[in-house]
Protein backbone atom coordinates (compact mmCIF):
# COMPACT_ATOMS: atom_id res chain seq x y z
CA MET A 1 182.86 63.55 157.27
CA ALA A 2 183.88 66.17 159.82
CA PRO A 3 184.93 65.02 163.29
CA THR A 4 182.56 65.64 166.17
CA ASP A 5 183.39 67.91 169.08
CA ALA A 6 183.72 64.79 171.25
CA GLU A 7 186.29 63.34 168.85
CA ILE A 8 188.24 66.59 168.81
CA ALA A 9 188.15 66.74 172.62
CA ALA A 10 189.36 63.16 172.91
CA VAL A 11 192.33 63.76 170.60
CA LEU A 12 193.27 67.01 172.35
CA MET A 13 193.16 65.40 175.79
CA ASP A 14 195.04 62.29 174.62
CA LEU A 15 197.82 64.46 173.19
CA ALA A 16 197.97 66.66 176.30
CA ARG A 17 198.09 63.66 178.65
CA ALA A 18 200.75 61.98 176.53
CA ARG A 19 202.90 65.12 176.82
CA GLY A 20 202.28 65.35 180.54
CA PRO A 21 202.32 68.30 182.94
CA GLY A 22 204.52 71.21 181.97
CA LYS A 23 204.61 70.25 178.28
CA SER A 24 202.52 71.79 175.52
CA LEU A 25 201.16 70.97 172.10
CA CYS A 26 200.07 72.88 169.06
CA PRO A 27 196.33 72.58 168.30
CA SER A 28 197.31 71.74 164.71
CA GLU A 29 198.67 68.41 165.97
CA ALA A 30 195.12 67.40 166.90
CA ALA A 31 193.69 68.75 163.65
CA LYS A 32 196.25 66.76 161.65
CA LYS A 33 195.23 63.55 163.44
CA LEU A 34 191.59 64.20 162.60
CA ALA A 35 191.68 65.28 158.94
CA SER A 36 194.03 65.27 155.99
CA ASP A 37 192.73 68.74 155.09
CA TRP A 38 193.26 69.99 158.65
CA ARG A 39 193.51 73.78 158.27
CA PRO A 40 189.74 74.41 157.98
CA LEU A 41 189.31 72.43 161.21
CA MET A 42 191.49 74.77 163.30
CA PRO A 43 188.74 77.17 164.50
CA ARG A 44 186.69 74.22 165.82
CA VAL A 45 189.75 72.68 167.46
CA ARG A 46 190.36 75.96 169.29
CA GLN A 47 186.69 76.24 170.26
CA VAL A 48 186.70 72.74 171.70
CA ALA A 49 190.01 73.37 173.47
CA ALA A 50 188.40 76.32 175.27
CA THR A 51 185.89 73.93 176.87
CA LEU A 52 188.52 71.52 178.20
CA PRO A 53 190.83 71.59 181.23
CA LEU A 54 193.60 73.00 179.04
CA VAL A 55 195.53 76.25 179.22
CA ALA A 56 196.24 78.22 176.06
CA THR A 57 199.37 80.36 175.83
CA GLN A 58 200.96 82.54 173.22
CA LYS A 59 204.55 83.63 173.71
CA GLY A 60 204.27 82.43 177.29
CA ARG A 61 201.17 84.50 178.12
CA LEU A 62 197.72 83.10 178.86
CA VAL A 63 195.26 83.70 176.02
CA ASP A 64 191.74 82.77 175.02
CA PRO A 65 192.20 80.06 172.38
CA THR A 66 189.18 81.27 170.43
CA GLY A 67 190.26 84.91 170.30
CA ALA A 68 194.01 84.68 169.89
CA SER A 69 195.38 85.18 166.40
CA GLY A 70 198.50 83.35 165.40
CA PRO A 71 200.03 80.23 166.87
CA ILE A 72 199.11 79.11 170.37
CA ARG A 73 200.16 76.25 172.62
CA LEU A 74 197.89 74.09 174.76
CA SER A 75 198.82 72.29 177.96
CA LEU A 76 197.12 70.54 180.82
CA ARG A 77 195.73 72.88 183.45
CA ARG A 78 197.74 72.52 186.64
CA VAL A 79 195.66 71.35 189.57
């Protein structure tokens, strides 16, 4: 059974909070916690990440997590 958006959001935020401000995570870390066959889950993880108070970067530049191709990093949005 596929995880819900709420479950994905919870895992993403738990990972981001555990890392703390100034630290980032790969969205695949969340996908791997949610499914053994995690690769097909990646587009949904990125879609959910876009709705959360997270910042997506690629090579240090801000990107849209749903439109970026290749690896991205997610971190807590600075207040």
